Amino acid sequence: MTALEFNYTLKEMSGSLKPFALKLTRDMEDANDLIQETMLKAFKNRDKFATGTNIKAWLYTIMKNTFITNYQRMVRRNTFIDTTDNLHYINSSASSVQNDVYSSFTREDIEAALDNVDDVYKSPFMMYFRGFKYHEIAEKLQIPIGTVKNRIHIARKELKAKLTHYAHSF
């Protein structure tokens, strides 16, 4: 399929993507942005599309994965979105109070518990904690992805067992 044919097919499919985008985003502007981002990714990766396969399903998959990635990015940022007119309080450090005493005890206990976790488990766990994806950890440590998941699971279990007194504090 030539680039021109592919572009024409994408344009024809864009209308059928709108209901799915609206279902995911629940906002017309965000849906249009999602469609545009989906089309851009599809065009950039047109060489990965196998002629004769279902292009609509391929586009739906790209859209769903793009939406999930964007959502996870937003959650990771922990951004507070206020829809009221009082926008001057957003991200204002002057209006927040923090008790660092309790958090320093907690941090010290967590660090002590982490020090007692075997390095084989601690290394993948810390990389995951810092935001690395499973496949990135597997590449960096040169181990299979299943081993990465298993080691992170074991590290979590060990930490949970060592920090049981915090489970009832909250």
N, C-alpha and C. Protein backbone atom coordinates (compact mmCIF):
# COMPACT_ATOMS: atom_id res chain seq x y z
N MET A 1 0.85 -1.18 0.00
CA MET A 1 0.00 0.00 0.00
C MET A 1 0.90 1.23 0.00
N THR A 2 0.64 2.15 -0.91
CA THR A 2 1.45 3.36 -0.99
C THR A 2 1.06 4.32 0.14
N ALA A 3 1.89 5.31 0.35
CA ALA A 3 1.63 6.29 1.40
C ALA A 3 0.34 7.05 1.11
N LEU A 4 0.09 7.34 -0.15
CA LEU A 4 -1.12 8.05 -0.54
C LEU A 4 -2.37 7.21 -0.26
N GLU A 5 -2.32 5.93 -0.63
CA GLU A 5 -3.44 5.03 -0.35
C GLU A 5 -3.66 4.87 1.15
N PHE A 6 -2.57 4.73 1.88
CA PHE A 6 -2.66 4.58 3.33
C PHE A 6 -3.28 5.84 3.95
N ASN A 7 -2.84 7.00 3.50
CA ASN A 7 -3.37 8.27 4.01
C ASN A 7 -4.86 8.38 3.72
N TYR A 8 -5.28 7.98 2.54
CA TYR A 8 -6.70 8.02 2.16
C TYR A 8 -7.50 7.07 3.06
N THR A 9 -6.98 5.90 3.30
CA THR A 9 -7.66 4.92 4.16
C THR A 9 -7.78 5.44 5.58
N LEU A 10 -6.73 6.08 6.08
CA LEU A 10 -6.78 6.66 7.42
C LEU A 10 -7.86 7.73 7.51
N LYS A 11 -7.93 8.57 6.48
CA LYS A 11 -8.93 9.64 6.47
C LYS A 11 -10.33 9.05 6.48
N GLU A 12 -10.55 7.99 5.73
CA GLU A 12 -11.86 7.34 5.68
C GLU A 12 -12.21 6.73 7.04
N MET A 13 -11.23 6.23 7.77
CA MET A 13 -11.47 5.56 9.05
C MET A 13 -11.64 6.55 10.22
N SER A 14 -11.18 7.77 10.05
CA SER A 14 -11.19 8.72 11.17
C SER A 14 -12.59 8.96 11.72
N GLY A 15 -13.60 8.95 10.86
CA GLY A 15 -14.97 9.15 11.32
C GLY A 15 -15.47 8.02 12.21
N SER A 16 -15.06 6.81 11.92
CA SER A 16 -15.52 5.67 12.72
C SER A 16 -14.78 5.57 14.05
N LEU A 17 -13.68 6.31 14.20
CA LEU A 17 -12.94 6.30 15.46
C LEU A 17 -13.53 7.25 16.50
N LYS A 18 -14.27 8.24 16.04
CA LYS A 18 -14.78 9.28 16.95
C LYS A 18 -15.63 8.73 18.09
N PRO A 19 -16.61 7.83 17.84
CA PRO A 19 -17.40 7.32 18.96
C PRO A 19 -16.55 6.62 20.03
N PHE A 20 -15.57 5.86 19.58
CA PHE A 20 -14.70 5.16 20.53
C PHE A 20 -13.85 6.16 21.33
N ALA A 21 -13.35 7.19 20.65
CA ALA A 21 -12.56 8.22 21.33
C ALA A 21 -13.41 8.97 22.36
N LEU A 22 -14.65 9.27 22.00
CA LEU A 22 -15.57 9.93 22.94
C LEU A 22 -15.87 9.04 24.13
N LYS A 23 -16.02 7.76 23.89
CA LYS A 23 -16.28 6.82 24.99
C LYS A 23 -15.10 6.79 25.95
N LEU A 24 -13.89 6.84 25.42
CA LEU A 24 -12.70 6.80 26.27
C LEU A 24 -12.50 8.11 27.04
N THR A 25 -12.61 9.23 26.35
CA THR A 25 -12.26 10.52 26.96
C THR A 25 -13.42 11.24 27.62
N ARG A 26 -14.62 11.03 27.10
CA ARG A 26 -15.84 11.71 27.58
C ARG A 26 -15.75 13.23 27.42
N ASP A 27 -14.98 13.66 26.43
CA ASP A 27 -14.84 15.08 26.14
C ASP A 27 -14.52 15.23 24.66
N MET A 28 -15.23 16.14 23.98
CA MET A 28 -15.07 16.29 22.54
C MET A 28 -13.66 16.73 22.15
N GLU A 29 -13.11 17.72 22.85
CA GLU A 29 -11.77 18.21 22.52
C GLU A 29 -10.71 17.13 22.76
N ASP A 30 -10.81 16.43 23.90
CA ASP A 30 -9.86 15.36 24.18
C ASP A 30 -10.01 14.23 23.17
N ALA A 31 -11.24 13.96 22.75
CA ALA A 31 -11.47 12.92 21.74
C ALA A 31 -10.81 13.30 20.41
N ASN A 32 -10.96 14.56 20.02
CA ASN A 32 -10.32 15.01 18.77
C ASN A 32 -8.80 14.93 18.88
N ASP A 33 -8.25 15.29 20.04
CA ASP A 33 -6.80 15.18 20.25
C ASP A 33 -6.35 13.73 20.16
N LEU A 34 -7.14 12.83 20.77
CA LEU A 34 -6.80 11.41 20.75
C LEU A 34 -6.84 10.86 19.33
N ILE A 35 -7.84 11.26 18.56
CA ILE A 35 -7.93 10.82 17.16
C ILE A 35 -6.72 11.32 16.38
N GLN A 36 -6.39 12.59 16.58
CA GLN A 36 -5.25 13.16 15.86
C GLN A 36 -3.95 12.43 16.23
N GLU A 37 -3.76 12.16 17.52
CA GLU A 37 -2.55 11.46 17.95
C GLU A 37 -2.53 10.04 17.40
N THR A 38 -3.68 9.40 17.36
CA THR A 38 -3.78 8.05 16.80
C THR A 38 -3.41 8.04 15.32
N MET A 39 -3.95 9.00 14.58
CA MET A 39 -3.65 9.08 13.15
C MET A 39 -2.16 9.34 12.90
N LEU A 40 -1.57 10.21 13.73
CA LEU A 40 -0.15 10.50 13.59
C LEU A 40 0.69 9.25 13.84
N LYS A 41 0.36 8.52 14.91
CA LYS A 41 1.11 7.30 15.21
C LYS A 41 0.92 6.26 14.12
N ALA A 42 -0.29 6.15 13.62
CA ALA A 42 -0.56 5.18 12.55
C ALA A 42 0.23 5.52 11.30
N PHE A 43 0.26 6.81 10.94
CA PHE A 43 0.99 7.20 9.73
C PHE A 43 2.49 6.99 9.91
N LYS A 44 3.01 7.32 11.10
CA LYS A 44 4.44 7.11 11.36
C LYS A 44 4.81 5.63 11.31
N ASN A 45 3.87 4.77 11.71
CA ASN A 45 4.16 3.34 11.77
C ASN A 45 3.47 2.56 10.65
N ARG A 46 3.20 3.22 9.52
CA ARG A 46 2.49 2.56 8.42
C ARG A 46 3.27 1.37 7.89
N ASP A 47 4.58 1.37 8.06
CA ASP A 47 5.38 0.23 7.59
C ASP A 47 5.11 -1.03 8.41
N LYS A 48 4.55 -0.87 9.61
CA LYS A 48 4.25 -2.02 10.46
C LYS A 48 2.87 -2.61 10.17
N PHE A 49 2.07 -1.91 9.38
CA PHE A 49 0.74 -2.40 9.03
C PHE A 49 0.87 -3.42 7.90
N ALA A 50 0.27 -4.58 8.12
CA ALA A 50 0.30 -5.64 7.10
C ALA A 50 -0.92 -5.49 6.19
N THR A 51 -0.66 -5.28 4.92
CA THR A 51 -1.74 -5.13 3.95
C THR A 51 -2.62 -6.37 3.96
N GLY A 52 -3.93 -6.13 3.95
CA GLY A 52 -4.87 -7.23 3.96
C GLY A 52 -5.44 -7.51 5.35
N THR A 53 -4.85 -6.92 6.38
CA THR A 53 -5.39 -7.10 7.73
C THR A 53 -6.40 -6.00 8.03
N ASN A 54 -7.07 -6.10 9.13
CA ASN A 54 -8.13 -5.18 9.51
C ASN A 54 -7.54 -3.86 10.02
N ILE A 55 -7.57 -2.84 9.20
CA ILE A 55 -6.98 -1.55 9.57
C ILE A 55 -7.77 -0.89 10.70
N LYS A 56 -9.08 -1.12 10.72
CA LYS A 56 -9.91 -0.51 11.76
C LYS A 56 -9.51 -1.06 13.13
N ALA A 57 -9.32 -2.35 13.23
CA ALA A 57 -8.88 -2.96 14.50
C ALA A 57 -7.50 -2.45 14.89
N TRP A 58 -6.63 -2.30 13.91
CA TRP A 58 -5.28 -1.79 14.16
C TRP A 58 -5.36 -0.37 14.74
N LEU A 59 -6.21 0.47 14.15
CA LEU A 59 -6.36 1.86 14.62
C LEU A 59 -7.00 1.90 16.01
N TYR A 60 -7.98 1.03 16.26
CA TYR A 60 -8.59 0.97 17.59
C TYR A 60 -7.54 0.59 18.65
N THR A 61 -6.68 -0.34 18.32
CA THR A 61 -5.62 -0.76 19.25
C THR A 61 -4.66 0.39 19.53
N ILE A 62 -4.26 1.09 18.48
CA ILE A 62 -3.38 2.25 18.67
C ILE A 62 -4.05 3.28 19.56
N MET A 63 -5.34 3.54 19.30
CA MET A 63 -6.07 4.55 20.08
C MET A 63 -6.17 4.14 21.54
N LYS A 64 -6.53 2.89 21.78
CA LYS A 64 -6.68 2.41 23.16
C LYS A 64 -5.34 2.51 23.90
N ASN A 65 -4.27 2.06 23.27
CA ASN A 65 -2.95 2.10 23.91
C ASN A 65 -2.49 3.54 24.15
N THR A 66 -2.78 4.43 23.22
CA THR A 66 -2.43 5.84 23.38
C THR A 66 -3.18 6.44 24.55
N PHE A 67 -4.48 6.14 24.64
CA PHE A 67 -5.29 6.65 25.75
C PHE A 67 -4.76 6.14 27.08
N ILE A 68 -4.45 4.86 27.16
CA ILE A 68 -3.94 4.28 28.41
C ILE A 68 -2.61 4.91 28.79
N THR A 69 -1.72 5.09 27.84
CA THR A 69 -0.43 5.71 28.11
C THR A 69 -0.60 7.14 28.61
N ASN A 70 -1.46 7.90 27.95
CA ASN A 70 -1.70 9.28 28.39
C ASN A 70 -2.32 9.33 29.78
N TYR A 71 -3.24 8.41 30.06
CA TYR A 71 -3.88 8.36 31.37
C TYR A 71 -2.85 8.02 32.45
N GLN A 72 -2.01 7.03 32.19
CA GLN A 72 -0.99 6.66 33.17
C GLN A 72 -0.02 7.81 33.40
N ARG A 73 0.33 8.53 32.35
CA ARG A 73 1.22 9.69 32.49
C ARG A 73 0.58 10.75 33.37
N MET A 74 -0.72 10.99 33.19
CA MET A 74 -1.42 11.98 33.99
C MET A 74 -1.48 11.55 35.46
N VAL A 75 -1.76 10.28 35.70
CA VAL A 75 -1.83 9.78 37.07
C VAL A 75 -0.46 9.88 37.74
N ARG A 76 0.60 9.54 36.98
CA ARG A 76 1.95 9.61 37.54
C ARG A 76 2.31 11.03 37.96
N ARG A 77 1.86 11.98 37.18
CA ARG A 77 2.15 13.38 37.51
C ARG A 77 1.42 13.83 38.77
N ASN A 78 0.34 13.11 39.10
CA ASN A 78 -0.47 13.45 40.27
C ASN A 78 -0.93 14.90 40.22
N THR A 79 -1.34 15.33 39.06
CA THR A 79 -1.76 16.70 38.88
C THR A 79 -3.15 16.89 39.43
N PHE A 80 -3.33 17.94 40.18
CA PHE A 80 -4.63 18.29 40.73
C PHE A 80 -5.31 19.20 39.72
N ILE A 81 -6.46 18.79 39.24
CA ILE A 81 -7.19 19.58 38.26
C ILE A 81 -8.42 20.17 38.94
N ASP A 82 -8.45 21.47 39.01
CA ASP A 82 -9.57 22.17 39.64
C ASP A 82 -10.36 22.87 38.55
N THR A 83 -11.65 22.59 38.50
CA THR A 83 -12.48 23.19 37.46
C THR A 83 -13.21 24.44 37.95
N THR A 84 -12.93 24.86 39.17
CA THR A 84 -13.59 26.05 39.69
C THR A 84 -12.86 27.31 39.23
N ASP A 85 -13.42 28.46 39.57
CA ASP A 85 -12.81 29.73 39.18
C ASP A 85 -11.67 30.14 40.12
N ASN A 86 -11.52 29.47 41.25
CA ASN A 86 -10.49 29.84 42.22
C ASN A 86 -9.17 29.15 41.89
N LEU A 87 -8.63 29.45 40.75
CA LEU A 87 -7.43 28.76 40.28
C LEU A 87 -6.15 29.22 40.97
N HIS A 88 -6.22 30.29 41.75
CA HIS A 88 -4.99 30.78 42.37
C HIS A 88 -4.52 29.90 43.52
N TYR A 89 -5.31 28.91 43.97
CA TYR A 89 -4.89 28.01 45.04
C TYR A 89 -4.22 26.74 44.52
N ILE A 90 -4.30 26.48 43.24
CA ILE A 90 -3.71 25.26 42.70
C ILE A 90 -2.20 25.31 42.83
N ASN A 91 -1.64 24.22 43.31
CA ASN A 91 -0.19 24.06 43.47
C ASN A 91 0.44 25.14 44.33
N SER A 92 -0.33 25.70 45.21
CA SER A 92 0.19 26.73 46.10
C SER A 92 0.79 26.07 47.33
N SER A 93 2.09 26.22 47.52
CA SER A 93 2.73 25.61 48.68
C SER A 93 2.45 26.40 49.95
N ALA A 94 2.01 27.63 49.82
CA ALA A 94 1.73 28.45 50.99
C ALA A 94 0.51 27.94 51.75
N SER A 95 -0.41 27.27 51.06
CA SER A 95 -1.64 26.81 51.71
C SER A 95 -1.54 25.38 52.21
N SER A 96 -0.39 24.73 52.08
CA SER A 96 -0.27 23.35 52.54
C SER A 96 0.63 23.27 53.77
N VAL A 97 0.27 22.33 54.63
CA VAL A 97 1.04 22.09 55.85
C VAL A 97 1.45 20.64 55.82
N GLN A 98 2.70 20.39 56.23
CA GLN A 98 3.21 19.03 56.16
C GLN A 98 3.88 18.69 57.48
N ASN A 99 3.61 17.51 57.99
CA ASN A 99 4.24 17.02 59.20
C ASN A 99 5.34 16.06 58.79
N ASP A 100 6.58 16.54 58.80
CA ASP A 100 7.71 15.74 58.34
C ASP A 100 8.21 14.74 59.37
N VAL A 101 7.81 14.89 60.63
CA VAL A 101 8.30 14.00 61.68
C VAL A 101 7.85 12.58 61.42
N TYR A 102 6.55 12.38 61.23
CA TYR A 102 6.02 11.05 61.00
C TYR A 102 6.57 10.46 59.71
N SER A 103 6.66 11.28 58.67
CA SER A 103 7.16 10.76 57.39
C SER A 103 8.65 10.39 57.48
N SER A 104 9.42 11.07 58.32
CA SER A 104 10.83 10.70 58.44
C SER A 104 10.99 9.36 59.15
N PHE A 105 10.12 9.09 60.16
CA PHE A 105 10.14 7.78 60.81
C PHE A 105 9.77 6.70 59.81
N THR A 106 8.74 6.95 59.04
CA THR A 106 8.29 5.99 58.04
C THR A 106 9.38 5.74 57.01
N ARG A 107 9.99 6.81 56.52
CA ARG A 107 11.05 6.68 55.51
C ARG A 107 12.21 5.87 56.07
N GLU A 108 12.60 6.13 57.32
CA GLU A 108 13.71 5.39 57.94
C GLU A 108 13.37 3.91 58.06
N ASP A 109 12.13 3.60 58.45
CA ASP A 109 11.72 2.20 58.56
C ASP A 109 11.70 1.51 57.20
N ILE A 110 11.23 2.22 56.18
CA ILE A 110 11.19 1.65 54.83
C ILE A 110 12.61 1.41 54.33
N GLU A 111 13.50 2.38 54.55
CA GLU A 111 14.89 2.22 54.11
C GLU A 111 15.56 1.06 54.83
N ALA A 112 15.28 0.91 56.14
CA ALA A 112 15.84 -0.21 56.89
C ALA A 112 15.31 -1.53 56.36
N ALA A 113 14.03 -1.59 56.06
CA ALA A 113 13.45 -2.81 55.50
C ALA A 113 14.04 -3.11 54.13
N LEU A 114 14.23 -2.07 53.32
CA LEU A 114 14.83 -2.26 51.99
C LEU A 114 16.27 -2.76 52.08
N ASP A 115 17.00 -2.29 53.10
CA ASP A 115 18.38 -2.74 53.27
C ASP A 115 18.45 -4.24 53.56
N ASN A 116 17.38 -4.79 54.14
CA ASN A 116 17.37 -6.21 54.47
C ASN A 116 16.86 -7.09 53.33
N VAL A 117 16.43 -6.47 52.23
CA VAL A 117 15.99 -7.24 51.06
C VAL A 117 17.23 -7.57 50.23
N ASP A 118 17.30 -8.81 49.80
CA ASP A 118 18.43 -9.27 48.98
C ASP A 118 18.54 -8.41 47.72
N ASP A 119 19.76 -8.07 47.32
CA ASP A 119 19.99 -7.20 46.16
C ASP A 119 19.38 -7.75 44.87
N VAL A 120 19.28 -9.06 44.78
CA VAL A 120 18.69 -9.68 43.59
C VAL A 120 17.25 -9.20 43.41
N TYR A 121 16.54 -9.01 44.53
CA TYR A 121 15.15 -8.56 44.49
C TYR A 121 15.04 -7.05 44.59
N LYS A 122 15.94 -6.45 45.35
CA LYS A 122 15.87 -5.02 45.59
C LYS A 122 16.14 -4.21 44.33
N SER A 123 17.08 -4.62 43.52
CA SER A 123 17.46 -3.87 42.33
C SER A 123 16.30 -3.70 41.35
N PRO A 124 15.62 -4.79 40.95
CA PRO A 124 14.46 -4.60 40.05
C PRO A 124 13.33 -3.82 40.72
N PHE A 125 13.13 -4.06 42.02
CA PHE A 125 12.06 -3.36 42.74
C PHE A 125 12.31 -1.85 42.74
N MET A 126 13.53 -1.44 43.03
CA MET A 126 13.85 -0.01 43.07
C MET A 126 13.73 0.62 41.69
N MET A 127 14.12 -0.11 40.66
CA MET A 127 13.98 0.42 39.30
C MET A 127 12.49 0.60 38.97
N TYR A 128 11.66 -0.38 39.35
CA TYR A 128 10.23 -0.29 39.11
C TYR A 128 9.64 0.86 39.91
N PHE A 129 10.08 1.00 41.14
CA PHE A 129 9.61 2.09 42.01
C PHE A 129 9.95 3.45 41.42
N ARG A 130 11.08 3.57 40.75
CA ARG A 130 11.51 4.83 40.15
C ARG A 130 10.82 5.10 38.82
N GLY A 131 9.99 4.16 38.34
CA GLY A 131 9.20 4.42 37.14
C GLY A 131 9.60 3.66 35.90
N PHE A 132 10.59 2.79 36.00
CA PHE A 132 10.98 2.00 34.84
C PHE A 132 9.90 0.97 34.53
N LYS A 133 9.71 0.67 33.28
CA LYS A 133 8.78 -0.36 32.84
C LYS A 133 9.47 -1.73 32.96
N TYR A 134 8.65 -2.80 32.99
CA TYR A 134 9.21 -4.14 33.13
C TYR A 134 10.23 -4.45 32.05
N HIS A 135 9.89 -4.11 30.80
CA HIS A 135 10.81 -4.43 29.70
C HIS A 135 12.11 -3.64 29.80
N GLU A 136 12.05 -2.42 30.33
CA GLU A 136 13.27 -1.62 30.50
C GLU A 136 14.16 -2.24 31.58
N ILE A 137 13.54 -2.72 32.64
CA ILE A 137 14.30 -3.36 33.72
C ILE A 137 14.95 -4.64 33.20
N ALA A 138 14.18 -5.41 32.43
CA ALA A 138 14.70 -6.66 31.87
C ALA A 138 15.90 -6.40 30.97
N GLU A 139 15.82 -5.37 30.14
CA GLU A 139 16.94 -5.02 29.25
C GLU A 139 18.15 -4.58 30.05
N LYS A 140 17.93 -3.71 31.02
CA LYS A 140 19.03 -3.16 31.82
C LYS A 140 19.75 -4.24 32.62
N LEU A 141 18.96 -5.13 33.24
CA LEU A 141 19.55 -6.18 34.08
C LEU A 141 19.86 -7.45 33.29
N GLN A 142 19.47 -7.48 32.03
CA GLN A 142 19.70 -8.61 31.13
C GLN A 142 19.14 -9.91 31.71
N ILE A 143 17.86 -9.84 32.11
CA ILE A 143 17.15 -11.01 32.61
C ILE A 143 15.77 -11.05 31.94
N PRO A 144 15.13 -12.20 31.90
CA PRO A 144 13.80 -12.29 31.27
C PRO A 144 12.77 -11.45 32.02
N ILE A 145 11.76 -10.99 31.30
CA ILE A 145 10.74 -10.12 31.88
C ILE A 145 9.95 -10.85 32.97
N GLY A 146 9.74 -12.16 32.82
CA GLY A 146 9.06 -12.94 33.86
C GLY A 146 9.84 -12.96 35.15
N THR A 147 11.15 -13.01 35.05
CA THR A 147 12.02 -12.98 36.23
C THR A 147 11.92 -11.63 36.91
N VAL A 148 11.85 -10.57 36.11
CA VAL A 148 11.71 -9.21 36.67
C VAL A 148 10.42 -9.13 37.48
N LYS A 149 9.31 -9.57 36.89
CA LYS A 149 8.02 -9.51 37.58
C LYS A 149 8.06 -10.33 38.87
N ASN A 150 8.66 -11.51 38.82
CA ASN A 150 8.74 -12.38 39.98
C ASN A 150 9.58 -11.73 41.10
N ARG A 151 10.70 -11.15 40.74
CA ARG A 151 11.56 -10.53 41.75
C ARG A 151 10.91 -9.31 42.39
N ILE A 152 10.18 -8.54 41.61
CA ILE A 152 9.46 -7.38 42.15
C ILE A 152 8.37 -7.88 43.11
N HIS A 153 7.69 -8.94 42.72
CA HIS A 153 6.64 -9.51 43.58
C HIS A 153 7.24 -10.00 44.91
N ILE A 154 8.36 -10.68 44.86
CA ILE A 154 9.00 -11.18 46.08
C ILE A 154 9.46 -10.03 46.96
N ALA A 155 10.03 -8.99 46.36
CA ALA A 155 10.46 -7.82 47.13
C ALA A 155 9.28 -7.15 47.83
N ARG A 156 8.16 -7.04 47.11
CA ARG A 156 6.95 -6.45 47.72
C ARG A 156 6.49 -7.28 48.91
N LYS A 157 6.47 -8.60 48.74
CA LYS A 157 6.03 -9.48 49.82
C LYS A 157 6.94 -9.33 51.04
N GLU A 158 8.25 -9.27 50.81
CA GLU A 158 9.19 -9.12 51.92
C GLU A 158 8.99 -7.78 52.63
N LEU A 159 8.83 -6.72 51.86
CA LEU A 159 8.61 -5.40 52.47
C LEU A 159 7.29 -5.36 53.23
N LYS A 160 6.27 -5.96 52.68
CA LYS A 160 4.97 -6.00 53.34
C LYS A 160 5.07 -6.74 54.67
N ALA A 161 5.82 -7.83 54.70
CA ALA A 161 5.99 -8.60 55.93
C ALA A 161 6.80 -7.82 56.97
N LYS A 162 7.77 -7.04 56.53
CA LYS A 162 8.62 -6.29 57.45
C LYS A 162 7.97 -5.00 57.94
N LEU A 163 6.96 -4.51 57.23
CA LEU A 163 6.33 -3.24 57.58
C LEU A 163 4.87 -3.42 57.99
N THR A 164 4.54 -4.54 58.61
CA THR A 164 3.15 -4.83 58.97
C THR A 164 2.58 -3.82 59.96
N HIS A 165 3.41 -3.24 60.81
CA HIS A 165 2.88 -2.30 61.81
C HIS A 165 2.34 -1.03 61.17
N TYR A 166 2.68 -0.73 59.93
CA TYR A 166 2.14 0.43 59.24
C TYR A 166 0.79 0.12 58.60
N ALA A 167 0.46 -1.13 58.42
CA ALA A 167 -0.80 -1.50 57.78
C ALA A 167 -2.00 -1.05 58.61
N HIS A 168 -1.85 -1.00 59.92
CA HIS A 168 -2.96 -0.64 60.80
C HIS A 168 -2.93 0.83 61.21
N SER A 169 -1.91 1.58 60.79
CA SER A 169 -1.77 2.98 61.18
C SER A 169 -2.68 3.90 60.41
N PHE A 170 -3.06 3.53 59.20
CA PHE A 170 -3.79 4.45 58.34
C PHE A 170 -5.22 4.16 58.32
